[in-house]
Amino acid sequence: MKKSLVYLQSGGPTSVINSSLYGVVIEARKHQDRIDRVYGAHFGVEGLLNGDLIDLTDVPEEELELLKQTPGAALGSSRHKLGPGDKSNVLAFCESRNIGYILVNGGNDSMDTCHRLGRFFESRGSDIRVIGVPKTMDNDLVEIDHTPGFGSAAKQIINSVQSIIIDGMAYTKGKVVLIEVMGRETGWVAAVPDLLEEPFRPDLFYFPEIGFDYEECKEAIQKIYKEKKRCFVMVGEGIPFERKNSTKDDGFGHRPLDGVSPMLAERLSADTGLDIRWISLSIPTRCSPTLIAGNDQKEAIEVGKEAVKAALAGETWKMVSIRVDSRDPYRVSYPLVDAEKVANGVKPIPPEFLCDHTRMSDAFREYLRPLVAGQTEPIKEKDGIALSFKR
């Protein structure tokens, strides 16, 4: 008996989140003998709870191709944590719509949803299969070498930081520039401009794995500014420092971490008398389609395809992972891992990638290079505006 497939997008978007959706749809179309309809849940798991589905079964190929260059979450995302009764409601809805496969695209919290739903369905004797599709620019998932979305975010940030530094070198006397990036409790994103060569690279790096001491930071900035008449500092949003942020915790209890750079700039300016500028490389660096890394997009599409294959093979509450089998030449494979392990872990930068506040190790650069490599097809546009998928 043919069953329908539903795809969920959860958490923060990435530049390639919609490429995974593209991979799912084109792979599902190869199995029309087993897959009836292909749906996208509008606003993640809330779409299943509210009965709000988007039918993707017959979307024309040329429109489907636009998913690969569409920013944001094309289906709408969600940070809804499953509450009491939610799993029963999802099961009842899926049974009413003949849904046999649910694919959950996201990070740690999304894999928690994947695991909880899959286990619950099994406990109720349901054969609905639930598979996780990894996604996060933060690169902090365990049980995976790197996450789809990280390579493109890294490419965006590396090139943006280089532009900021070149711009800041235009005058004999420059500024101290704090460049804040996302990454939550890890520094993967903050560390990527280490790939830049002199003189177009930051002077200092601060992120959770190497700690933050205000007095040390202040002295280092003053020393560099005295020597170079300018200083560029990467700041990971998760460093322990007071910040202004009125946003409430999300449904999974995560506190907002952005907003550290304006507070740090204010204090440094008062204590040093230096001209401090802060820049937050936020949403555009995580979801812009203009500098997508070729390898990142390819892998995002493949994890979507592999998720469909895994669900059809009878797997459930598993996540499609990425394993690097060779870095020269670069080659990966896509094993399955337990979603529960991913949901309960956070992957910091390992010690062998760390050096000090001025640089990362050669091993880190070797790890990063293939992830930001490659280009994608030219952006399709009209009147200078990139075309996007319309749900």
Foldseek 3Di string as FASTA:
>chain_A
DAFAEEEFEADWFFQQLLLLVLLQQVLVVVPVVHHPWYWYQAAGLVSLLVVNIDTPNPDDPVLSVQSNQFFTDQRHYYPAQDDPPSLVSSVVSRVVRRHQEYEFEEALRSLVVQQVNQVVCVVVVHLRFYEYEYDDLLQWFPPFLGTQRVLQLLLLVLVVQLVVQVVQVPDQAGAEEEEEEENAQACSNLASNLLDDPPRGFQFEDHNVQADDLVVVLVSQVVVCVVRNYGYYRYYLHHPDDFDDDDAAGNVRDDDRPGRVVVSQVVSCVVPVTHYHYHYPYRCSGTHSPQGAPVSSVVSSVQSSVSNVCSVVSHHQWYWHWDFPDVVVTDIDTDIHHSVSRNPGTHYDDPQQDDHGGHTDPVSSSSSVNSNHDDDDDFDDDPPHGDHNHD
